[in-house]
Amino acid sequence: MLDRQITLDIARLLNEVVVSGDRIGSALADAPSDEVNKECGAYLQEIDFWRRASSLRSARFESLWPDAPVEDEDWIEAELAPRYWQRPS
């Protein structure tokens, strides 16, 4: 079970990013996509998104798989079925 505080922190971060992304998209609806991307990137840096998300990801892993050794994440990744970004070839 996920701790209530971790769950709230995940919900807050997700809510912040989704609502703000919608607001950025609406405010810059007629702007070139590179301007929208720049604003989104600046926003994510401003809210310290990457550090917060990484910390919450670690807490989530520990809650969902408390006995899993850190070096054995292959089966966890398979269960999560992530769609990670990859540089186009």
PDB file of N, CA and C in Angstrom:
ATOM      1  N   MET A   1       0.841  -1.187   0.000  1.00  0.00           N
ATOM      2  CA  MET A   1       0.000   0.000   0.000  1.00  0.00           C
ATOM      3  C   MET A   1       0.883   1.247   0.000  1.00  0.00           C
ATOM      4  N   LEU A   2       0.472   2.199  -0.773  1.00  0.00           N
ATOM      5  CA  LEU A   2       1.186   3.465  -0.786  1.00  0.00           C
ATOM      6  C   LEU A   2       0.771   4.295   0.427  1.00  0.00           C
ATOM      7  N   ASP A   3       1.735   4.894   1.042  1.00  0.00           N
ATOM      8  CA  ASP A   3       1.515   5.806   2.149  1.00  0.00           C
ATOM      9  C   ASP A   3       0.630   6.965   1.674  1.00  0.00           C
ATOM     10  N   ARG A   4      -0.247   7.449   2.552  1.00  0.00           N
ATOM     11  CA  ARG A   4      -1.164   8.530   2.185  1.00  0.00           C
ATOM     12  C   ARG A   4      -0.401   9.764   1.692  1.00  0.00           C
ATOM     13  N   GLN A   5       0.675  10.134   2.372  1.00  0.00           N
ATOM     14  CA  GLN A   5       1.425  11.333   1.991  1.00  0.00           C
ATOM     15  C   GLN A   5       2.055  11.174   0.608  1.00  0.00           C
ATOM     16  N   ILE A   6       2.600   9.994   0.325  1.00  0.00           N
ATOM     17  CA  ILE A   6       3.176   9.746  -1.002  1.00  0.00           C
ATOM     18  C   ILE A   6       2.087   9.837  -2.061  1.00  0.00           C
ATOM     19  N   THR A   7       0.938   9.249  -1.774  1.00  0.00           N
ATOM     20  CA  THR A   7      -0.178   9.304  -2.715  1.00  0.00           C
ATOM     21  C   THR A   7      -0.612  10.742  -2.972  1.00  0.00           C
ATOM     22  N   LEU A   8      -0.699  11.549  -1.912  1.00  0.00           N
ATOM     23  CA  LEU A   8      -1.056  12.961  -2.078  1.00  0.00           C
ATOM     24  C   LEU A   8       0.001  13.706  -2.883  1.00  0.00           C
ATOM     25  N   ASP A   9       1.272  13.431  -2.620  1.00  0.00           N
ATOM     26  CA  ASP A   9       2.342  14.100  -3.353  1.00  0.00           C
ATOM     27  C   ASP A   9       2.318  13.737  -4.837  1.00  0.00           C
ATOM     28  N   ILE A  10       2.050  12.470  -5.145  1.00  0.00           N
ATOM     29  CA  ILE A  10       1.930  12.040  -6.544  1.00  0.00           C
ATOM     30  C   ILE A  10       0.741  12.746  -7.195  1.00  0.00           C
ATOM     31  N   ALA A  11      -0.398  12.766  -6.495  1.00  0.00           N
ATOM     32  CA  ALA A  11      -1.602  13.413  -7.033  1.00  0.00           C
ATOM     33  C   ALA A  11      -1.374  14.903  -7.244  1.00  0.00           C
ATOM     34  N   ARG A  12      -0.700  15.552  -6.309  1.00  0.00           N
ATOM     35  CA  ARG A  12      -0.423  16.990  -6.443  1.00  0.00           C
ATOM     36  C   ARG A  12       0.459  17.280  -7.646  1.00  0.00           C
ATOM     37  N   LEU A  13       1.521  16.509  -7.794  1.00  0.00           N
ATOM     38  CA  LEU A  13       2.434  16.735  -8.911  1.00  0.00           C
ATOM     39  C   LEU A  13       1.724  16.496 -10.243  1.00  0.00           C
ATOM     40  N   LEU A  14       0.986  15.406 -10.324  1.00  0.00           N
ATOM     41  CA  LEU A  14       0.244  15.110 -11.553  1.00  0.00           C
ATOM     42  C   LEU A  14      -0.767  16.211 -11.854  1.00  0.00           C
ATOM     43  N   ASN A  15      -1.483  16.665 -10.840  1.00  0.00           N
ATOM     44  CA  ASN A  15      -2.469  17.727 -11.020  1.00  0.00           C
ATOM     45  C   ASN A  15      -1.798  19.019 -11.484  1.00  0.00           C
ATOM     46  N   GLU A  16      -0.693  19.392 -10.836  1.00  0.00           N
ATOM     47  CA  GLU A  16       0.030  20.611 -11.220  1.00  0.00           C
ATOM     48  C   GLU A  16       0.433  20.580 -12.686  1.00  0.00           C
ATOM     49  N   VAL A  17       1.011  19.465 -13.100  1.00  0.00           N
ATOM     50  CA  VAL A  17       1.540  19.370 -14.457  1.00  0.00           C
ATOM     51  C   VAL A  17       0.425  19.335 -15.500  1.00  0.00           C
ATOM     52  N   VAL A  18      -0.628  18.573 -15.233  1.00  0.00           N
ATOM     53  CA  VAL A  18      -1.721  18.471 -16.204  1.00  0.00           C
ATOM     54  C   VAL A  18      -2.457  19.803 -16.346  1.00  0.00           C
ATOM     55  N   VAL A  19      -2.803  20.430 -15.227  1.00  0.00           N
ATOM     56  CA  VAL A  19      -3.528  21.707 -15.293  1.00  0.00           C
ATOM     57  C   VAL A  19      -2.646  22.789 -15.912  1.00  0.00           C
ATOM     58  N   SER A  20      -1.397  22.857 -15.481  1.00  0.00           N
ATOM     59  CA  SER A  20      -0.501  23.877 -16.025  1.00  0.00           C
ATOM     60  C   SER A  20      -0.219  23.645 -17.508  1.00  0.00           C
ATOM     61  N   GLY A  21      -0.053  22.386 -17.900  1.00  0.00           N
ATOM     62  CA  GLY A  21       0.140  22.083 -19.319  1.00  0.00           C
ATOM     63  C   GLY A  21      -1.047  22.532 -20.152  1.00  0.00           C
ATOM     64  N   ASP A  22      -2.245  22.328 -19.633  1.00  0.00           N
ATOM     65  CA  ASP A  22      -3.454  22.774 -20.327  1.00  0.00           C
ATOM     66  C   ASP A  22      -3.479  24.301 -20.424  1.00  0.00           C
ATOM     67  N   ARG A  23      -3.110  24.969 -19.337  1.00  0.00           N
ATOM     68  CA  ARG A  23      -3.087  26.439 -19.337  1.00  0.00           C
ATOM     69  C   ARG A  23      -2.038  26.985 -20.305  1.00  0.00           C
ATOM     70  N   ILE A  24      -0.873  26.366 -20.317  1.00  0.00           N
ATOM     71  CA  ILE A  24       0.168  26.794 -21.251  1.00  0.00           C
ATOM     72  C   ILE A  24      -0.317  26.597 -22.685  1.00  0.00           C
ATOM     73  N   GLY A  25      -0.910  25.439 -22.952  1.00  0.00           N
ATOM     74  CA  GLY A  25      -1.427  25.167 -24.292  1.00  0.00           C
ATOM     75  C   GLY A  25      -2.504  26.153 -24.710  1.00  0.00           C
ATOM     76  N   SER A  26      -3.371  26.509 -23.791  1.00  0.00           N
ATOM     77  CA  SER A  26      -4.433  27.473 -24.098  1.00  0.00           C
ATOM     78  C   SER A  26      -3.868  28.874 -24.299  1.00  0.00           C
ATOM     79  N   ALA A  27      -2.955  29.285 -23.425  1.00  0.00           N
ATOM     80  CA  ALA A  27      -2.390  30.626 -23.515  1.00  0.00           C
ATOM     81  C   ALA A  27      -1.557  30.813 -24.780  1.00  0.00           C
ATOM     82  N   LEU A  28      -0.940  29.726 -25.233  1.00  0.00           N
ATOM     83  CA  LEU A  28      -0.057  29.812 -26.397  1.00  0.00           C
ATOM     84  C   LEU A  28      -0.622  29.039 -27.592  1.00  0.00           C
ATOM     85  N   ALA A  29      -1.930  28.988 -27.668  1.00  0.00           N
ATOM     86  CA  ALA A  29      -2.581  28.193 -28.717  1.00  0.00           C
ATOM     87  C   ALA A  29      -2.142  28.598 -30.114  1.00  0.00           C
ATOM     88  N   ASP A  30      -1.872  29.863 -30.323  1.00  0.00           N
ATOM     89  CA  ASP A  30      -1.488  30.337 -31.657  1.00  0.00           C
ATOM     90  C   ASP A  30       0.017  30.505 -31.821  1.00  0.00           C
ATOM     91  N   ALA A  31       0.771  30.143 -30.797  1.00  0.00           N
ATOM     92  CA  ALA A  31       2.230  30.309 -30.834  1.00  0.00           C
ATOM     93  C   ALA A  31       2.870  29.126 -31.557  1.00  0.00           C
ATOM     94  N   PRO A  32       4.061  29.347 -32.079  1.00  0.00           N
ATOM     95  CA  PRO A  32       4.794  28.236 -32.703  1.00  0.00           C
ATOM     96  C   PRO A  32       5.095  27.152 -31.656  1.00  0.00           C
ATOM     97  N   SER A  33       5.176  25.913 -32.100  1.00  0.00           N
ATOM     98  CA  SER A  33       5.367  24.798 -31.172  1.00  0.00           C
ATOM     99  C   SER A  33       6.671  24.923 -30.375  1.00  0.00           C
ATOM    100  N   ASP A  34       7.729  25.514 -30.964  1.00  0.00           N
ATOM    101  CA  ASP A  34       8.972  25.659 -30.206  1.00  0.00           C
ATOM    102  C   ASP A  34       8.809  26.614 -29.029  1.00  0.00           C
ATOM    103  N   GLU A  35       7.945  27.599 -29.154  1.00  0.00           N
ATOM    104  CA  GLU A  35       7.665  28.515 -28.040  1.00  0.00           C
ATOM    105  C   GLU A  35       6.890  27.784 -26.936  1.00  0.00           C
ATOM    106  N   VAL A  36       5.936  26.969 -27.343  1.00  0.00           N
ATOM    107  CA  VAL A  36       5.166  26.174 -26.368  1.00  0.00           C
ATOM    108  C   VAL A  36       6.099  25.210 -25.646  1.00  0.00           C
ATOM    109  N   ASN A  37       6.956  24.542 -26.390  1.00  0.00           N
ATOM    110  CA  ASN A  37       7.910  23.604 -25.794  1.00  0.00           C
ATOM    111  C   ASN A  37       8.850  24.312 -24.820  1.00  0.00           C
ATOM    112  N   LYS A  38       9.314  25.497 -25.199  1.00  0.00           N
ATOM    113  CA  LYS A  38      10.201  26.267 -24.328  1.00  0.00           C
ATOM    114  C   LYS A  38       9.485  26.638 -23.031  1.00  0.00           C
ATOM    115  N   GLU A  39       8.248  27.069 -23.129  1.00  0.00           N
ATOM    116  CA  GLU A  39       7.468  27.445 -21.942  1.00  0.00           C
ATOM    117  C   GLU A  39       7.204  26.230 -21.052  1.00  0.00           C
ATOM    118  N   CYS A  40       6.899  25.102 -21.662  1.00  0.00           N
ATOM    119  CA  CYS A  40       6.677  23.869 -20.887  1.00  0.00           C
ATOM    120  C   CYS A  40       7.959  23.464 -20.160  1.00  0.00           C
ATOM    121  N   GLY A  41       9.088  23.510 -20.850  1.00  0.00           N
ATOM    122  CA  GLY A  41      10.364  23.168 -20.235  1.00  0.00           C
ATOM    123  C   GLY A  41      10.706  24.100 -19.087  1.00  0.00           C
ATOM    124  N   ALA A  42      10.474  25.396 -19.276  1.00  0.00           N
ATOM    125  CA  ALA A  42      10.747  26.378 -18.217  1.00  0.00           C
ATOM    126  C   ALA A  42       9.854  26.115 -17.009  1.00  0.00           C
ATOM    127  N   TYR A  43       8.603  25.795 -17.262  1.00  0.00           N
ATOM    128  CA  TYR A  43       7.676  25.493 -16.166  1.00  0.00           C
ATOM    129  C   TYR A  43       8.133  24.256 -15.386  1.00  0.00           C
ATOM    130  N   LEU A  44       8.500  23.200 -16.086  1.00  0.00           N
ATOM    131  CA  LEU A  44       8.943  21.975 -15.410  1.00  0.00           C
ATOM    132  C   LEU A  44      10.187  22.230 -14.565  1.00  0.00           C
ATOM    133  N   GLN A  45      11.078  23.076 -15.050  1.00  0.00           N
ATOM    134  CA  GLN A  45      12.261  23.432 -14.252  1.00  0.00           C
ATOM    135  C   GLN A  45      11.859  24.261 -13.042  1.00  0.00           C
ATOM    136  N   GLU A  46      10.939  25.186 -13.240  1.00  0.00           N
ATOM    137  CA  GLU A  46      10.498  26.070 -12.156  1.00  0.00           C
ATOM    138  C   GLU A  46       9.907  25.297 -10.978  1.00  0.00           C
ATOM    139  N   ILE A  47       9.150  24.247 -11.268  1.00  0.00           N
ATOM    140  CA  ILE A  47       8.523  23.484 -10.180  1.00  0.00           C
ATOM    141  C   ILE A  47       9.400  22.325  -9.722  1.00  0.00           C
ATOM    142  N   ASP A  48      10.626  22.241 -10.218  1.00  0.00           N
ATOM    143  CA  ASP A  48      11.562  21.189  -9.832  1.00  0.00           C
ATOM    144  C   ASP A  48      10.967  19.800 -10.129  1.00  0.00           C
ATOM    145  N   PHE A  49      10.324  19.705 -11.289  1.00  0.00           N
ATOM    146  CA  PHE A  49       9.584  18.496 -11.646  1.00  0.00           C
ATOM    147  C   PHE A  49      10.434  17.237 -11.622  1.00  0.00           C
ATOM    148  N   TRP A  50      11.615  17.279 -12.228  1.00  0.00           N
ATOM    149  CA  TRP A  50      12.405  16.060 -12.394  1.00  0.00           C
ATOM    150  C   TRP A  50      12.852  15.492 -11.053  1.00  0.00           C
ATOM    151  N   ARG A  51      13.303  16.361 -10.140  1.00  0.00           N
ATOM    152  CA  ARG A  51      13.713  15.879  -8.823  1.00  0.00           C
ATOM    153  C   ARG A  51      12.515  15.331  -8.047  1.00  0.00           C
ATOM    154  N   ARG A  52      11.408  16.071  -8.076  1.00  0.00           N
ATOM    155  CA  ARG A  52      10.205  15.629  -7.356  1.00  0.00           C
ATOM    156  C   ARG A  52       9.686  14.309  -7.909  1.00  0.00           C
ATOM    157  N   ALA A  53       9.612  14.210  -9.224  1.00  0.00           N
ATOM    158  CA  ALA A  53       9.100  12.995  -9.852  1.00  0.00           C
ATOM    159  C   ALA A  53      10.011  11.803  -9.561  1.00  0.00           C
ATOM    160  N   SER A  54      11.312  12.014  -9.596  1.00  0.00           N
ATOM    161  CA  SER A  54      12.256  10.940  -9.310  1.00  0.00           C
ATOM    162  C   SER A  54      12.103  10.446  -7.879  1.00  0.00           C
ATOM    163  N   SER A  55      11.964  11.364  -6.959  1.00  0.00           N
ATOM    164  CA  SER A  55      11.786  11.001  -5.550  1.00  0.00           C
ATOM    165  C   SER A  55      10.494  10.203  -5.346  1.00  0.00           C
ATOM    166  N   LEU A  56       9.423  10.656  -5.972  1.00  0.00           N
ATOM    167  CA  LEU A  56       8.135   9.958  -5.850  1.00  0.00           C
ATOM    168  C   LEU A  56       8.180   8.602  -6.544  1.00  0.00           C
ATOM    169  N   ARG A  57       8.905   8.509  -7.646  1.00  0.00           N
ATOM    170  CA  ARG A  57       9.055   7.226  -8.346  1.00  0.00           C
ATOM    171  C   ARG A  57       9.748   6.220  -7.441  1.00  0.00           C
ATOM    172  N   SER A  58      10.794   6.648  -6.767  1.00  0.00           N
ATOM    173  CA  SER A  58      11.508   5.761  -5.849  1.00  0.00           C
ATOM    174  C   SER A  58      10.599   5.300  -4.712  1.00  0.00           C
ATOM    175  N   ALA A  59       9.832   6.228  -4.140  1.00  0.00           N
ATOM    176  CA  ALA A  59       8.916   5.879  -3.053  1.00  0.00           C
ATOM    177  C   ALA A  59       7.844   4.909  -3.536  1.00  0.00           C
ATOM    178  N   ARG A  60       7.376   5.116  -4.757  1.00  0.00           N
ATOM    179  CA  ARG A  60       6.360   4.228  -5.320  1.00  0.00           C
ATOM    180  C   ARG A  60       6.930   2.839  -5.534  1.00  0.00           C
ATOM    181  N   PHE A  61       8.138   2.753  -6.056  1.00  0.00           N
ATOM    182  CA  PHE A  61       8.774   1.449  -6.243  1.00  0.00           C
ATOM    183  C   PHE A  61       8.909   0.721  -4.916  1.00  0.00           C
ATOM    184  N   GLU A  62       9.370   1.434  -3.902  1.00  0.00           N
ATOM    185  CA  GLU A  62       9.550   0.819  -2.582  1.00  0.00           C
ATOM    186  C   GLU A  62       8.222   0.333  -2.006  1.00  0.00           C
ATOM    187  N   SER A  63       7.148   1.062  -2.237  1.00  0.00           N
ATOM    188  CA  SER A  63       5.837   0.663  -1.722  1.00  0.00           C
ATOM    189  C   SER A  63       5.249  -0.519  -2.486  1.00  0.00           C
ATOM    190  N   LEU A  64       5.401  -0.501  -3.802  1.00  0.00           N
ATOM    191  CA  LEU A  64       4.810  -1.568  -4.618  1.00  0.00           C
ATOM    192  C   LEU A  64       5.627  -2.849  -4.597  1.00  0.00           C
ATOM    193  N   TRP A  65       6.945  -2.700  -4.518  1.00  0.00           N
ATOM    194  CA  TRP A  65       7.830  -3.859  -4.545  1.00  0.00           C
ATOM    195  C   TRP A  65       8.855  -3.758  -3.408  1.00  0.00           C
ATOM    196  N   PRO A  66       8.399  -3.881  -2.155  1.00  0.00           N
ATOM    197  CA  PRO A  66       9.291  -3.658  -1.014  1.00  0.00           C
ATOM    198  C   PRO A  66      10.451  -4.642  -0.912  1.00  0.00           C
ATOM    199  N   ASP A  67      10.312  -5.842  -1.451  1.00  0.00           N
ATOM    200  CA  ASP A  67      11.358  -6.853  -1.323  1.00  0.00           C
ATOM    201  C   ASP A  67      12.220  -7.003  -2.569  1.00  0.00           C
ATOM    202  N   ALA A  68      11.966  -6.185  -3.576  1.00  0.00           N
ATOM    203  CA  ALA A  68      12.711  -6.309  -4.834  1.00  0.00           C
ATOM    204  C   ALA A  68      14.098  -5.701  -4.691  1.00  0.00           C
ATOM    205  N   PRO A  69      15.134  -6.446  -5.064  1.00  0.00           N
ATOM    206  CA  PRO A  69      16.474  -5.864  -5.044  1.00  0.00           C
ATOM    207  C   PRO A  69      16.588  -4.759  -6.092  1.00  0.00           C
ATOM    208  N   VAL A  70      17.301  -3.719  -5.764  1.00  0.00           N
ATOM    209  CA  VAL A  70      17.419  -2.565  -6.654  1.00  0.00           C
ATOM    210  C   VAL A  70      17.943  -2.953  -8.032  1.00  0.00           C
ATOM    211  N   GLU A  71      18.887  -3.895  -8.078  1.00  0.00           N
ATOM    212  CA  GLU A  71      19.492  -4.265  -9.364  1.00  0.00           C
ATOM    213  C   GLU A  71      18.596  -5.148 -10.227  1.00  0.00           C
ATOM    214  N   ASP A  72      17.471  -5.605  -9.693  1.00  0.00           N
ATOM    215  CA  ASP A  72      16.587  -6.515 -10.424  1.00  0.00           C
ATOM    216  C   ASP A  72      15.293  -5.815 -10.819  1.00  0.00           C
ATOM    217  N   GLU A  73      15.414  -4.777 -11.668  1.00  0.00           N
ATOM    218  CA  GLU A  73      14.242  -4.001 -12.045  1.00  0.00           C
ATOM    219  C   GLU A  73      13.610  -4.470 -13.355  1.00  0.00           C
ATOM    220  N   ASP A  74      14.172  -5.464 -14.022  1.00  0.00           N
ATOM    221  CA  ASP A  74      13.638  -5.882 -15.316  1.00  0.00           C
ATOM    222  C   ASP A  74      12.187  -6.328 -15.218  1.00  0.00           C
ATOM    223  N   TRP A  75      11.850  -7.141 -14.237  1.00  0.00           N
ATOM    224  CA  TRP A  75      10.469  -7.619 -14.127  1.00  0.00           C
ATOM    225  C   TRP A  75       9.530  -6.501 -13.680  1.00  0.00           C
ATOM    226  N   ILE A  76      10.062  -5.529 -12.913  1.00  0.00           N
ATOM    227  CA  ILE A  76       9.249  -4.371 -12.532  1.00  0.00           C
ATOM    228  C   ILE A  76       8.937  -3.547 -13.774  1.00  0.00           C
ATOM    229  N   GLU A  77       9.947  -3.309 -14.593  1.00  0.00           N
ATOM    230  CA  GLU A  77       9.742  -2.565 -15.840  1.00  0.00           C
ATOM    231  C   GLU A  77       8.725  -3.274 -16.738  1.00  0.00           C
ATOM    232  N   ALA A  78       8.808  -4.599 -16.811  1.00  0.00           N
ATOM    233  CA  ALA A  78       7.854  -5.359 -17.625  1.00  0.00           C
ATOM    234  C   ALA A  78       6.440  -5.198 -17.085  1.00  0.00           C
ATOM    235  N   GLU A  79       6.297  -5.210 -15.776  1.00  0.00           N
ATOM    236  CA  GLU A  79       4.968  -5.064 -15.177  1.00  0.00           C
ATOM    237  C   GLU A  79       4.408  -3.655 -15.393  1.00  0.00           C
ATOM    238  N   LEU A  80       5.269  -2.656 -15.357  1.00  0.00           N
ATOM    239  CA  LEU A  80       4.825  -1.276 -15.572  1.00  0.00           C
ATOM    240  C   LEU A  80       4.502  -0.994 -17.037  1.00  0.00           C
ATOM    241  N   ALA A  81       5.143  -1.713 -17.944  1.00  0.00           N
ATOM    242  CA  ALA A  81       4.963  -1.531 -19.391  1.00  0.00           C
ATOM    243  C   ALA A  81       5.087  -0.052 -19.799  1.00  0.00           C
ATOM    244  N   PRO A  82       6.237   0.566 -19.468  1.00  0.00           N
ATOM    245  CA  PRO A  82       6.410   1.986 -19.775  1.00  0.00           C
ATOM    246  C   PRO A  82       6.605   2.247 -21.268  1.00  0.00           C
ATOM    247  N   ARG A  83       6.265   3.458 -21.655  1.00  0.00           N
ATOM    248  CA  ARG A  83       6.516   3.915 -23.026  1.00  0.00           C
ATOM    249  C   ARG A  83       7.520   5.048 -22.929  1.00  0.00           C
ATOM    250  N   TYR A  84       8.780   4.715 -22.772  1.00  0.00           N
ATOM    251  CA  TYR A  84       9.832   5.707 -22.614  1.00  0.00           C
ATOM    252  C   TYR A  84      10.145   6.408 -23.914  1.00  0.00           C
ATOM    253  N   TRP A  85      10.524   7.673 -23.802  1.00  0.00           N
ATOM    254  CA  TRP A  85      10.970   8.438 -24.948  1.00  0.00           C
ATOM    255  C   TRP A  85      12.287   7.844 -25.444  1.00  0.00           C
ATOM    256  N   GLN A  86      12.423   7.829 -26.748  1.00  0.00           N
ATOM    257  CA  GLN A  86      13.667   7.408 -27.363  1.00  0.00           C
ATOM    258  C   GLN A  86      13.987   8.366 -28.487  1.00  0.00           C
ATOM    259  N   ARG A  87      15.249   8.662 -28.612  1.00  0.00           N
ATOM    260  CA  ARG A  87      15.678   9.552 -29.706  1.00  0.00           C
ATOM    261  C   ARG A  87      15.399   8.852 -31.034  1.00  0.00           C
ATOM    262  N   PRO A  88      14.761   9.550 -31.948  1.00  0.00           N
ATOM    263  CA  PRO A  88      14.511   8.936 -33.267  1.00  0.00           C
ATOM    264  C   PRO A  88      15.817   8.585 -33.947  1.00  0.00           C
ATOM    265  N   SER A  89      15.819   7.464 -34.627  1.00  0.00           N
ATOM    266  CA  SER A  89      17.058   7.041 -35.297  1.00  0.00           C
ATOM    267  C   SER A  89      17.135   7.540 -36.720  1.00  0.00           C
TER     268      SER A  89
END
